[in-house]
């Protein structure tokens, strides 16, 4: 049966023997200078998550699994779900055990679109800077938002937080009550064209395989 996109974590990321990974949210702005020496900045496009994945030395079986699935993604319309493997869970719950029975949802978005509020968390749960959260929004296509927490917050006894800031800003299309993922929070991504390095076969190992990826909102 043909694969459906985006590929799930189990279908792609879990198959990769990742040695190094970058996970970044680069700026999307232009900078200009006036005759008076003022530096002006302006928004230019949409901030999208991006990064690079370098694979470790692979046995023939490992290389067969990984490279075959990378090839599946080297075509138009192909995508996969990716999360920061260095930080799969919130800093206050490194094993994900505290969130196992919780069902957090998006409670509200501030008018400034920089701050949000969550409900449905365990009582007293702590959200810290650099924790990730993800939720679906929009329709036709359904999109996946991924945000990094920029200000700490804690849940009340009823599981409700105050407003806290995230990056990037919340995009239009969100709906209150939407389920929010705090464990292995992921975005939908594509391979950057012509970035795949299949590696070199040395004796019984394949070394140096890598690729770059960028978030897609489609």
N, C-alpha and C. Protein backbone atom coordinates (compact mmCIF):
# COMPACT_ATOMS: atom_id res chain seq x y z
N UNK A 1 0.85 -1.19 0.00
CA UNK A 1 0.00 0.00 0.00
C UNK A 1 0.88 1.25 0.00
N UNK A 2 0.53 2.21 -0.83
CA UNK A 2 1.32 3.44 -0.92
C UNK A 2 1.25 4.22 0.38
N UNK A 3 2.34 4.92 0.69
CA UNK A 3 2.38 5.73 1.90
C UNK A 3 1.48 6.95 1.77
N UNK A 4 0.90 7.35 2.89
CA UNK A 4 0.17 8.61 2.97
C UNK A 4 1.06 9.62 3.67
N UNK A 5 0.95 10.87 3.27
CA UNK A 5 1.78 11.92 3.85
C UNK A 5 0.96 12.84 4.73
N UNK A 6 1.55 13.36 5.79
CA UNK A 6 2.96 13.20 6.16
C UNK A 6 3.25 11.83 6.78
N UNK A 7 4.48 11.35 6.59
CA UNK A 7 4.90 10.12 7.25
C UNK A 7 4.91 10.36 8.76
N UNK A 8 4.47 9.37 9.51
CA UNK A 8 4.45 9.49 10.96
C UNK A 8 5.87 9.33 11.53
N UNK A 9 5.99 9.61 12.81
CA UNK A 9 7.28 9.42 13.49
C UNK A 9 7.74 7.97 13.36
N UNK A 10 6.82 7.03 13.54
CA UNK A 10 7.18 5.61 13.46
C UNK A 10 7.62 5.21 12.06
N UNK A 11 7.06 5.86 11.05
CA UNK A 11 7.38 5.50 9.66
C UNK A 11 8.70 6.09 9.19
N UNK A 12 9.17 7.16 9.83
CA UNK A 12 10.40 7.79 9.33
C UNK A 12 11.42 8.09 10.42
N UNK A 13 11.13 9.04 11.30
CA UNK A 13 12.14 9.47 12.26
C UNK A 13 12.65 8.34 13.15
N UNK A 14 11.77 7.44 13.54
CA UNK A 14 12.18 6.34 14.41
C UNK A 14 13.13 5.36 13.72
N UNK A 15 13.17 5.40 12.39
CA UNK A 15 14.04 4.49 11.64
C UNK A 15 15.45 5.03 11.46
N UNK A 16 15.65 6.30 11.79
CA UNK A 16 16.93 6.95 11.51
C UNK A 16 17.89 6.85 12.69
N UNK A 17 19.12 6.39 12.46
CA UNK A 17 20.14 6.41 13.51
C UNK A 17 20.78 7.80 13.58
N UNK A 18 20.04 8.75 14.16
CA UNK A 18 20.47 10.15 14.15
C UNK A 18 21.69 10.34 15.05
N UNK A 19 22.72 10.96 14.49
CA UNK A 19 23.91 11.28 15.27
C UNK A 19 23.90 12.74 15.70
N UNK A 20 23.49 13.63 14.79
CA UNK A 20 23.41 15.06 15.10
C UNK A 20 22.15 15.62 14.47
N UNK A 21 21.57 16.62 15.15
CA UNK A 21 20.37 17.25 14.61
C UNK A 21 20.34 18.72 15.03
N UNK A 22 20.04 19.60 14.08
CA UNK A 22 19.77 20.99 14.41
C UNK A 22 18.28 21.24 14.25
N UNK A 23 17.75 22.12 15.10
CA UNK A 23 16.31 22.41 15.12
C UNK A 23 16.19 23.90 15.42
N UNK A 24 15.89 24.70 14.40
CA UNK A 24 15.98 26.15 14.54
C UNK A 24 14.75 26.83 13.97
N UNK A 25 14.51 28.05 14.45
CA UNK A 25 13.43 28.90 13.94
C UNK A 25 14.05 30.20 13.46
N UNK A 26 14.61 30.22 12.25
CA UNK A 26 15.31 31.42 11.78
C UNK A 26 14.37 32.59 11.55
N UNK A 27 14.94 33.78 11.63
CA UNK A 27 14.15 34.98 11.39
C UNK A 27 13.72 35.06 9.93
N UNK A 28 12.61 35.75 9.70
CA UNK A 28 12.12 36.01 8.34
C UNK A 28 11.88 37.51 8.24
N UNK A 29 12.95 38.26 8.08
CA UNK A 29 12.82 39.71 8.03
C UNK A 29 13.91 40.30 7.16
N UNK A 30 13.66 41.52 6.71
CA UNK A 30 14.66 42.25 5.95
C UNK A 30 15.15 43.43 6.78
N UNK A 31 16.38 43.82 6.54
CA UNK A 31 17.01 44.90 7.30
C UNK A 31 17.49 45.97 6.33
N UNK A 32 17.22 47.22 6.65
CA UNK A 32 17.70 48.33 5.82
C UNK A 32 18.24 49.43 6.72
N UNK A 33 19.08 50.27 6.17
CA UNK A 33 19.70 51.36 6.93
C UNK A 33 19.36 52.69 6.28
N UNK A 34 18.94 53.65 7.10
CA UNK A 34 18.64 54.98 6.59
C UNK A 34 19.91 55.81 6.51
N UNK A 35 19.80 56.95 5.84
CA UNK A 35 20.96 57.84 5.74
C UNK A 35 21.41 58.37 7.08
N UNK A 36 20.49 58.35 8.06
CA UNK A 36 20.83 58.83 9.40
C UNK A 36 21.42 57.73 10.28
N UNK A 37 21.62 56.56 9.69
CA UNK A 37 22.22 55.47 10.45
C UNK A 37 21.23 54.65 11.26
N UNK A 38 19.93 54.82 11.00
CA UNK A 38 18.94 54.01 11.71
C UNK A 38 18.81 52.65 11.02
N UNK A 39 18.71 51.61 11.81
CA UNK A 39 18.51 50.26 11.28
C UNK A 39 17.03 49.93 11.37
N UNK A 40 16.42 49.67 10.22
CA UNK A 40 15.00 49.37 10.16
C UNK A 40 14.80 47.90 9.81
N UNK A 41 13.85 47.27 10.46
CA UNK A 41 13.54 45.87 10.17
C UNK A 41 12.08 45.74 9.77
N UNK A 42 11.80 44.77 8.92
CA UNK A 42 10.43 44.52 8.47
C UNK A 42 10.24 43.03 8.26
N UNK A 43 9.02 42.57 8.53
CA UNK A 43 8.71 41.16 8.35
C UNK A 43 8.80 40.79 6.87
N UNK A 44 9.38 39.64 6.61
CA UNK A 44 9.55 39.17 5.24
C UNK A 44 9.21 37.69 5.20
N UNK A 45 7.97 37.38 4.88
CA UNK A 45 7.56 35.98 4.82
C UNK A 45 7.19 35.43 6.18
N UNK A 46 7.20 34.11 6.29
CA UNK A 46 6.75 33.39 7.48
C UNK A 46 7.93 32.68 8.13
N UNK A 47 8.00 32.73 9.44
CA UNK A 47 9.05 32.01 10.14
C UNK A 47 8.72 30.52 10.14
N UNK A 48 9.64 29.72 9.64
CA UNK A 48 9.44 28.28 9.53
C UNK A 48 10.58 27.55 10.23
N UNK A 49 10.24 26.48 10.92
CA UNK A 49 11.25 25.64 11.55
C UNK A 49 12.09 24.96 10.46
N UNK A 50 13.36 24.78 10.75
CA UNK A 50 14.24 24.11 9.78
C UNK A 50 15.42 23.51 10.52
N UNK A 51 16.16 22.67 9.82
CA UNK A 51 17.32 22.06 10.46
C UNK A 51 18.02 21.07 9.55
N UNK A 52 18.97 20.38 10.14
CA UNK A 52 19.75 19.38 9.42
C UNK A 52 19.86 18.13 10.29
N UNK A 53 19.81 16.99 9.65
CA UNK A 53 19.97 15.72 10.35
C UNK A 53 21.16 14.98 9.74
N UNK A 54 22.10 14.61 10.60
CA UNK A 54 23.25 13.80 10.18
C UNK A 54 23.12 12.43 10.82
N UNK A 55 23.24 11.41 9.99
CA UNK A 55 23.10 10.04 10.47
C UNK A 55 24.44 9.47 10.89
N UNK A 56 24.41 8.60 11.87
CA UNK A 56 25.63 7.94 12.31
C UNK A 56 26.04 6.84 11.34
N UNK A 57 27.13 6.18 11.64
CA UNK A 57 27.56 5.06 10.82
C UNK A 57 26.47 3.99 10.82
N UNK A 58 26.15 3.48 9.63
CA UNK A 58 25.04 2.54 9.50
C UNK A 58 25.52 1.20 8.96
N UNK A 59 25.00 0.14 9.55
CA UNK A 59 25.21 -1.20 9.01
C UNK A 59 24.41 -1.31 7.71
N UNK A 60 24.65 -2.33 6.90
CA UNK A 60 23.86 -2.48 5.67
C UNK A 60 22.35 -2.50 5.91
N UNK A 61 21.91 -3.16 6.96
CA UNK A 61 20.47 -3.20 7.25
C UNK A 61 19.95 -1.83 7.66
N UNK A 62 20.69 -1.12 8.50
CA UNK A 62 20.27 0.22 8.92
C UNK A 62 20.22 1.17 7.74
N UNK A 63 21.21 1.10 6.86
CA UNK A 63 21.25 1.96 5.69
C UNK A 63 20.09 1.66 4.75
N UNK A 64 19.77 0.38 4.60
CA UNK A 64 18.66 0.00 3.72
C UNK A 64 17.35 0.59 4.22
N UNK A 65 17.11 0.52 5.52
CA UNK A 65 15.87 1.06 6.09
C UNK A 65 15.81 2.58 5.94
N UNK A 66 16.89 3.26 6.33
CA UNK A 66 16.88 4.72 6.35
C UNK A 66 16.87 5.32 4.95
N UNK A 67 17.75 4.86 4.08
CA UNK A 67 17.88 5.47 2.75
C UNK A 67 16.66 5.21 1.88
N UNK A 68 16.02 4.06 2.05
CA UNK A 68 14.81 3.78 1.28
C UNK A 68 13.70 4.77 1.63
N UNK A 69 13.57 5.09 2.93
CA UNK A 69 12.52 6.02 3.34
C UNK A 69 12.87 7.46 2.99
N UNK A 70 14.16 7.79 3.00
CA UNK A 70 14.56 9.12 2.53
C UNK A 70 14.19 9.29 1.06
N UNK A 71 14.39 8.24 0.27
CA UNK A 71 14.02 8.30 -1.15
C UNK A 71 12.52 8.53 -1.33
N UNK A 72 11.70 7.95 -0.46
CA UNK A 72 10.25 8.16 -0.54
C UNK A 72 9.92 9.65 -0.43
N UNK A 73 10.72 10.37 0.35
CA UNK A 73 10.45 11.79 0.59
C UNK A 73 11.07 12.71 -0.45
N UNK A 74 11.80 12.16 -1.40
CA UNK A 74 12.45 12.99 -2.43
C UNK A 74 11.55 13.11 -3.66
N UNK A 75 10.30 13.51 -3.42
CA UNK A 75 9.35 13.68 -4.51
C UNK A 75 8.36 14.79 -4.13
N UNK A 76 7.76 15.45 -5.11
CA UNK A 76 6.80 16.52 -4.81
C UNK A 76 5.64 16.01 -3.96
N UNK A 77 5.24 16.80 -2.99
CA UNK A 77 4.10 16.47 -2.16
C UNK A 77 4.41 15.58 -0.97
N UNK A 78 5.63 15.06 -0.89
CA UNK A 78 6.00 14.17 0.21
C UNK A 78 6.39 14.99 1.44
N UNK A 79 5.99 14.53 2.61
CA UNK A 79 6.30 15.24 3.85
C UNK A 79 6.37 14.25 5.00
N UNK A 80 6.86 14.73 6.14
CA UNK A 80 6.99 13.87 7.32
C UNK A 80 6.88 14.73 8.58
N UNK A 81 6.60 14.08 9.69
CA UNK A 81 6.53 14.77 10.97
C UNK A 81 7.89 14.70 11.66
N UNK A 82 8.34 15.86 12.16
CA UNK A 82 9.66 15.92 12.78
C UNK A 82 9.56 16.69 14.10
N UNK A 83 10.28 16.19 15.11
CA UNK A 83 10.35 16.88 16.40
C UNK A 83 11.80 16.97 16.82
N UNK A 84 12.07 17.80 17.81
CA UNK A 84 13.42 17.97 18.33
C UNK A 84 13.75 16.77 19.20
N UNK A 85 14.60 15.87 18.70
CA UNK A 85 14.86 14.64 19.45
C UNK A 85 15.68 14.89 20.71
N UNK A 86 16.31 16.07 20.81
CA UNK A 86 17.06 16.39 22.02
C UNK A 86 16.14 16.81 23.16
N UNK A 87 14.92 17.24 22.83
CA UNK A 87 13.96 17.69 23.84
C UNK A 87 12.57 17.14 23.53
N UNK A 88 12.38 15.83 23.68
CA UNK A 88 11.09 15.24 23.34
C UNK A 88 9.97 15.57 24.32
N UNK A 89 10.33 15.89 25.57
CA UNK A 89 9.33 16.16 26.61
C UNK A 89 9.63 17.48 27.30
N UNK A 90 8.65 18.03 28.01
CA UNK A 90 8.89 19.27 28.76
C UNK A 90 10.01 19.10 29.78
N UNK A 91 10.65 20.19 30.11
CA UNK A 91 11.79 20.15 31.04
C UNK A 91 11.40 19.69 32.43
N UNK A 92 10.14 19.89 32.82
CA UNK A 92 9.70 19.47 34.15
C UNK A 92 9.16 18.04 34.16
N UNK A 93 9.19 17.39 33.00
CA UNK A 93 8.65 16.02 32.90
C UNK A 93 9.47 15.28 31.85
N UNK A 94 10.72 15.01 32.15
CA UNK A 94 11.66 14.50 31.16
C UNK A 94 11.32 13.12 30.62
N UNK A 95 10.50 12.37 31.34
CA UNK A 95 10.09 11.05 30.86
C UNK A 95 8.72 11.07 30.20
N UNK A 96 7.98 12.16 30.36
CA UNK A 96 6.63 12.25 29.83
C UNK A 96 5.59 11.57 30.70
N UNK A 97 6.00 11.06 31.87
CA UNK A 97 5.08 10.30 32.72
C UNK A 97 3.97 11.18 33.30
N UNK A 98 4.30 12.41 33.69
CA UNK A 98 3.30 13.28 34.31
C UNK A 98 2.19 13.66 33.33
N UNK A 99 2.52 13.70 32.05
CA UNK A 99 1.54 14.10 31.04
C UNK A 99 0.78 12.91 30.45
N UNK A 100 1.16 11.71 30.85
CA UNK A 100 0.61 10.50 30.22
C UNK A 100 -0.91 10.46 30.26
N UNK A 101 -1.51 10.88 31.36
CA UNK A 101 -2.96 10.81 31.46
C UNK A 101 -3.66 12.14 31.26
N UNK A 102 -2.91 13.17 30.86
CA UNK A 102 -3.47 14.51 30.70
C UNK A 102 -3.96 14.74 29.28
N UNK A 103 -4.87 15.70 29.13
CA UNK A 103 -5.40 16.05 27.81
C UNK A 103 -5.43 17.57 27.67
N UNK A 104 -4.24 18.20 27.54
CA UNK A 104 -4.20 19.66 27.45
C UNK A 104 -4.86 20.17 26.17
N UNK A 105 -5.49 21.33 26.27
CA UNK A 105 -6.14 21.95 25.12
C UNK A 105 -5.81 23.44 25.10
N UNK A 106 -6.00 24.03 23.92
CA UNK A 106 -5.81 25.47 23.76
C UNK A 106 -7.01 26.18 24.36
N UNK A 107 -6.77 26.93 25.43
CA UNK A 107 -7.88 27.58 26.12
C UNK A 107 -8.17 28.97 25.56
N UNK A 108 -7.12 29.72 25.20
CA UNK A 108 -7.32 31.07 24.68
C UNK A 108 -6.04 31.55 24.01
N UNK A 109 -6.20 32.49 23.08
CA UNK A 109 -5.07 33.17 22.43
C UNK A 109 -5.25 34.67 22.67
N UNK A 110 -4.22 35.31 23.17
CA UNK A 110 -4.28 36.75 23.45
C UNK A 110 -4.39 37.53 22.14
N UNK A 111 -4.94 38.73 22.23
CA UNK A 111 -5.11 39.57 21.04
C UNK A 111 -3.79 39.90 20.36
N UNK A 112 -2.68 39.85 21.11
CA UNK A 112 -1.38 40.16 20.50
C UNK A 112 -0.82 38.99 19.70
N UNK A 113 -1.48 37.84 19.73
CA UNK A 113 -1.12 36.58 19.04
C UNK A 113 0.25 36.05 19.47
N UNK A 114 0.82 36.60 20.52
CA UNK A 114 2.11 36.12 21.03
C UNK A 114 1.95 35.28 22.29
N UNK A 115 0.78 35.39 22.93
CA UNK A 115 0.56 34.70 24.19
C UNK A 115 -0.65 33.78 24.09
N UNK A 116 -0.55 32.64 24.77
CA UNK A 116 -1.65 31.69 24.79
C UNK A 116 -1.89 31.21 26.22
N UNK A 117 -2.99 30.52 26.39
CA UNK A 117 -3.34 29.93 27.68
C UNK A 117 -3.78 28.49 27.42
N UNK A 118 -3.35 27.57 28.27
CA UNK A 118 -3.72 26.16 28.14
C UNK A 118 -4.57 25.73 29.33
N UNK A 119 -5.40 24.72 29.10
CA UNK A 119 -6.14 24.08 30.18
C UNK A 119 -6.01 22.57 30.00
N UNK A 120 -6.45 21.82 31.01
CA UNK A 120 -6.37 20.37 30.93
C UNK A 120 -5.04 19.79 31.35
N UNK A 121 -4.17 20.60 31.95
CA UNK A 121 -2.87 20.12 32.42
C UNK A 121 -3.00 19.51 33.82
N UNK A 122 -2.05 18.68 34.23
CA UNK A 122 -2.05 18.21 35.61
C UNK A 122 -1.92 19.41 36.56
N UNK A 123 -2.55 19.33 37.71
CA UNK A 123 -2.49 20.42 38.68
C UNK A 123 -1.04 20.74 39.04
N UNK A 124 -0.69 22.03 38.95
CA UNK A 124 0.65 22.47 39.30
C UNK A 124 1.72 22.20 38.26
N UNK A 125 1.35 21.70 37.10
CA UNK A 125 2.36 21.36 36.08
C UNK A 125 3.11 22.61 35.65
N UNK A 126 4.44 22.46 35.51
CA UNK A 126 5.30 23.58 35.15
C UNK A 126 5.68 23.54 33.68
N UNK A 127 5.45 24.64 32.99
CA UNK A 127 5.94 24.83 31.63
C UNK A 127 7.14 25.76 31.71
N UNK A 128 8.22 25.39 31.03
CA UNK A 128 9.45 26.18 31.12
C UNK A 128 9.90 26.64 29.75
N UNK A 129 10.80 27.61 29.75
CA UNK A 129 11.34 28.11 28.49
C UNK A 129 11.95 26.96 27.68
N UNK A 130 11.72 27.00 26.40
CA UNK A 130 12.24 26.03 25.43
C UNK A 130 11.38 24.77 25.31
N UNK A 131 10.38 24.59 26.17
CA UNK A 131 9.44 23.49 25.95
C UNK A 131 8.69 23.73 24.64
N UNK A 132 8.32 22.65 23.98
CA UNK A 132 7.58 22.75 22.72
C UNK A 132 6.12 22.39 22.92
N UNK A 133 5.27 22.94 22.07
CA UNK A 133 3.87 22.53 22.02
C UNK A 133 3.39 22.58 20.58
N UNK A 134 2.46 21.71 20.25
CA UNK A 134 1.97 21.63 18.87
C UNK A 134 0.46 21.40 18.88
N UNK A 135 -0.20 21.91 17.85
CA UNK A 135 -1.64 21.68 17.69
C UNK A 135 -2.03 21.89 16.23
N UNK A 136 -3.13 21.28 15.84
CA UNK A 136 -3.63 21.41 14.48
C UNK A 136 -4.50 22.65 14.37
N UNK A 137 -4.50 23.27 13.19
CA UNK A 137 -5.35 24.44 12.97
C UNK A 137 -5.68 24.56 11.49
N UNK A 138 -6.71 25.36 11.19
CA UNK A 138 -7.09 25.59 9.80
C UNK A 138 -7.78 24.38 9.19
N UNK A 139 -8.12 24.52 7.92
CA UNK A 139 -8.74 23.43 7.16
C UNK A 139 -8.47 23.65 5.68
N UNK A 140 -8.37 22.54 4.95
CA UNK A 140 -8.13 22.59 3.50
C UNK A 140 -6.98 23.52 3.11
N UNK A 141 -5.75 23.25 3.56
CA UNK A 141 -5.35 22.03 4.27
C UNK A 141 -5.37 22.21 5.79
N UNK A 142 -5.44 21.08 6.50
CA UNK A 142 -5.25 21.08 7.95
C UNK A 142 -3.76 21.28 8.21
N UNK A 143 -3.42 22.24 9.04
CA UNK A 143 -2.02 22.58 9.28
C UNK A 143 -1.60 22.23 10.69
N UNK A 144 -0.29 22.14 10.88
CA UNK A 144 0.25 21.77 12.19
C UNK A 144 1.12 22.91 12.71
N UNK A 145 0.71 23.49 13.82
CA UNK A 145 1.48 24.57 14.45
C UNK A 145 2.47 23.98 15.43
N UNK A 146 3.68 24.51 15.44
CA UNK A 146 4.70 24.12 16.42
C UNK A 146 5.26 25.40 17.02
N UNK A 147 5.26 25.47 18.34
CA UNK A 147 5.73 26.67 19.03
C UNK A 147 6.67 26.30 20.17
N UNK A 148 7.58 27.22 20.46
CA UNK A 148 8.50 27.04 21.58
C UNK A 148 8.15 28.07 22.65
N UNK A 149 8.08 27.61 23.87
CA UNK A 149 7.67 28.47 24.98
C UNK A 149 8.80 29.44 25.34
N UNK A 150 8.44 30.72 25.45
CA UNK A 150 9.43 31.76 25.73
C UNK A 150 9.33 32.31 27.15
N UNK A 151 8.24 32.00 27.85
CA UNK A 151 8.05 32.48 29.22
C UNK A 151 7.46 31.35 30.06
N UNK A 152 7.94 31.15 31.27
CA UNK A 152 7.44 30.05 32.10
C UNK A 152 5.99 30.26 32.53
N UNK A 153 5.32 29.16 32.80
CA UNK A 153 3.93 29.21 33.28
C UNK A 153 3.67 27.97 34.12
N UNK A 154 2.70 28.06 34.99
CA UNK A 154 2.33 26.91 35.81
C UNK A 154 0.82 26.75 35.82
N UNK A 155 0.38 25.51 35.89
CA UNK A 155 -1.05 25.22 35.89
C UNK A 155 -1.62 25.37 37.29
N UNK A 156 -2.82 25.86 37.36
CA UNK A 156 -3.51 25.99 38.65
C UNK A 156 -3.99 24.61 39.11
N UNK A 157 -4.71 24.60 40.21
CA UNK A 157 -5.25 23.34 40.70
C UNK A 157 -6.25 22.71 39.76
N UNK A 158 -6.82 23.54 38.87
CA UNK A 158 -7.78 23.01 37.89
C UNK A 158 -7.12 22.75 36.54
N UNK A 159 -5.80 22.94 36.45
CA UNK A 159 -5.08 22.65 35.20
C UNK A 159 -5.04 23.79 34.21
N UNK A 160 -5.39 25.00 34.64
CA UNK A 160 -5.41 26.17 33.75
C UNK A 160 -4.18 27.03 34.00
N UNK A 161 -3.50 27.43 32.91
CA UNK A 161 -2.35 28.33 33.04
C UNK A 161 -2.80 29.77 32.85
N UNK A 162 -1.92 30.70 33.21
CA UNK A 162 -2.09 32.07 32.78
C UNK A 162 -1.56 32.21 31.37
N UNK A 163 -1.60 33.42 30.82
CA UNK A 163 -1.05 33.64 29.49
C UNK A 163 0.47 33.55 29.53
N UNK A 164 1.06 32.92 28.53
CA UNK A 164 2.51 32.86 28.41
C UNK A 164 2.89 33.00 26.94
N UNK A 165 4.08 33.52 26.70
CA UNK A 165 4.50 33.83 25.33
C UNK A 165 5.15 32.63 24.65
N UNK A 166 4.91 32.53 23.34
CA UNK A 166 5.50 31.47 22.53
C UNK A 166 6.09 32.07 21.26
N UNK A 167 6.96 31.31 20.62
CA UNK A 167 7.50 31.67 19.31
C UNK A 167 7.28 30.50 18.36
N UNK A 168 6.91 30.76 17.10
CA UNK A 168 6.55 32.05 16.53
C UNK A 168 5.15 32.48 16.99
N UNK A 169 4.69 33.62 16.48
CA UNK A 169 3.34 34.08 16.81
C UNK A 169 2.30 33.06 16.35
N UNK A 170 1.15 33.08 17.00
CA UNK A 170 0.05 32.18 16.62
C UNK A 170 -0.55 32.66 15.30
N UNK A 171 -0.69 31.74 14.36
CA UNK A 171 -1.24 32.08 13.04
C UNK A 171 -2.76 31.97 13.05
N UNK A 172 -3.44 32.65 12.13
CA UNK A 172 -4.91 32.56 12.06
C UNK A 172 -5.37 31.13 11.79
N UNK A 173 -6.56 30.81 12.29
CA UNK A 173 -7.15 29.49 12.06
C UNK A 173 -7.27 28.64 13.30
N UNK A 174 -6.72 29.11 14.42
CA UNK A 174 -6.78 28.35 15.66
C UNK A 174 -8.21 28.33 16.21
N UNK A 175 -8.51 27.29 16.99
CA UNK A 175 -9.83 27.14 17.60
C UNK A 175 -9.64 26.73 19.05
N UNK A 176 -10.33 27.40 19.97
CA UNK A 176 -10.23 27.02 21.37
C UNK A 176 -10.77 25.60 21.55
N UNK A 177 -10.17 24.89 22.49
CA UNK A 177 -10.57 23.51 22.73
C UNK A 177 -9.79 22.50 21.91
N UNK A 178 -8.90 22.99 21.03
CA UNK A 178 -8.08 22.09 20.22
C UNK A 178 -7.05 21.38 21.09
N UNK A 179 -6.87 20.09 20.86
CA UNK A 179 -5.89 19.32 21.62
C UNK A 179 -4.48 19.83 21.36
N UNK A 180 -3.69 19.91 22.42
CA UNK A 180 -2.31 20.40 22.33
C UNK A 180 -1.36 19.29 22.75
N UNK A 181 -0.33 19.07 21.95
CA UNK A 181 0.67 18.06 22.26
C UNK A 181 1.90 18.72 22.89
N UNK A 182 2.31 18.21 24.04
CA UNK A 182 3.52 18.69 24.71
C UNK A 182 4.62 17.62 24.69
N UNK A 183 4.28 16.42 24.29
CA UNK A 183 5.23 15.32 24.20
C UNK A 183 5.55 15.04 22.74
N UNK A 184 6.83 15.11 22.40
CA UNK A 184 7.28 14.95 21.02
C UNK A 184 6.48 15.86 20.09
N UNK A 185 6.31 17.10 20.51
CA UNK A 185 5.58 18.08 19.69
C UNK A 185 6.29 18.24 18.36
N UNK A 186 5.54 18.10 17.27
CA UNK A 186 6.16 18.01 15.95
C UNK A 186 5.53 18.97 14.96
N UNK A 187 6.28 19.24 13.91
CA UNK A 187 5.75 20.00 12.78
C UNK A 187 5.84 19.14 11.52
N UNK A 188 5.12 19.54 10.51
CA UNK A 188 5.16 18.87 9.22
C UNK A 188 6.29 19.48 8.40
N UNK A 189 7.12 18.64 7.79
CA UNK A 189 8.31 19.13 7.10
C UNK A 189 8.51 18.40 5.78
N UNK A 190 9.35 19.01 4.94
CA UNK A 190 9.78 18.39 3.69
C UNK A 190 11.30 18.39 3.65
N UNK A 191 11.87 17.53 2.82
CA UNK A 191 13.30 17.57 2.59
C UNK A 191 13.63 18.77 1.71
N UNK A 192 14.71 19.48 2.04
CA UNK A 192 15.17 20.56 1.18
C UNK A 192 15.72 19.94 -0.10
N UNK A 193 15.21 20.33 -1.27
CA UNK A 193 15.68 19.73 -2.52
C UNK A 193 17.20 19.80 -2.67
N UNK A 194 17.77 18.73 -3.15
CA UNK A 194 19.20 18.59 -3.43
C UNK A 194 20.07 18.66 -2.18
N UNK A 195 19.47 18.48 -1.00
CA UNK A 195 20.26 18.52 0.23
C UNK A 195 20.67 17.13 0.72
N UNK A 196 20.11 16.08 0.12
CA UNK A 196 20.38 14.73 0.61
C UNK A 196 21.79 14.29 0.23
N UNK A 197 22.52 13.83 1.23
CA UNK A 197 23.82 13.20 1.02
C UNK A 197 23.68 11.73 1.43
N UNK A 198 23.72 10.80 0.46
CA UNK A 198 23.45 9.40 0.78
C UNK A 198 24.56 8.71 1.56
N UNK A 199 25.69 9.36 1.71
CA UNK A 199 26.80 8.75 2.44
C UNK A 199 27.67 7.88 1.55
N UNK A 200 28.74 7.38 2.14
CA UNK A 200 29.69 6.54 1.41
C UNK A 200 29.78 5.18 2.07
N UNK A 201 29.90 4.17 1.24
CA UNK A 201 30.03 2.80 1.75
C UNK A 201 31.50 2.51 2.01
N UNK A 202 31.82 2.22 3.26
CA UNK A 202 33.19 1.88 3.64
C UNK A 202 33.17 0.52 4.32
N UNK A 203 33.73 -0.45 3.62
CA UNK A 203 33.72 -1.82 4.13
C UNK A 203 32.26 -2.24 4.41
N UNK A 204 31.90 -2.40 5.66
CA UNK A 204 30.53 -2.85 5.97
C UNK A 204 29.66 -1.73 6.50
N UNK A 205 30.16 -0.48 6.49
CA UNK A 205 29.39 0.63 7.05
C UNK A 205 29.14 1.72 6.01
N UNK A 206 28.00 2.39 6.14
CA UNK A 206 27.70 3.58 5.35
C UNK A 206 27.88 4.78 6.26
N UNK A 207 28.70 5.75 5.84
CA UNK A 207 29.01 6.90 6.69
C UNK A 207 28.70 8.20 5.97
N UNK A 208 28.40 9.25 6.75
CA UNK A 208 28.26 10.60 6.20
C UNK A 208 26.92 10.93 5.59
N UNK A 209 25.89 10.12 5.81
CA UNK A 209 24.57 10.43 5.25
C UNK A 209 23.94 11.59 6.01
N UNK A 210 23.26 12.48 5.29
CA UNK A 210 22.62 13.63 5.93
C UNK A 210 21.58 14.24 5.00
N UNK A 211 20.74 15.11 5.56
CA UNK A 211 19.80 15.89 4.75
C UNK A 211 19.35 17.10 5.56
N UNK A 212 18.85 18.10 4.86
CA UNK A 212 18.26 19.26 5.50
C UNK A 212 16.74 19.23 5.31
N UNK A 213 16.04 19.84 6.23
CA UNK A 213 14.58 19.84 6.19
C UNK A 213 14.05 21.23 6.52
N UNK A 214 12.82 21.50 6.11
CA UNK A 214 12.18 22.77 6.42
C UNK A 214 10.69 22.53 6.62
N UNK A 215 10.11 23.24 7.55
CA UNK A 215 8.68 23.12 7.82
C UNK A 215 7.85 23.53 6.61
N UNK A 216 6.72 22.87 6.43
CA UNK A 216 5.75 23.27 5.42
C UNK A 216 4.40 23.46 6.09
N UNK A 217 3.66 24.46 5.66
CA UNK A 217 2.34 24.73 6.22
C UNK A 217 1.22 24.19 5.34
N UNK A 218 1.58 23.38 4.35
CA UNK A 218 0.57 22.75 3.51
C UNK A 218 0.43 21.28 3.89
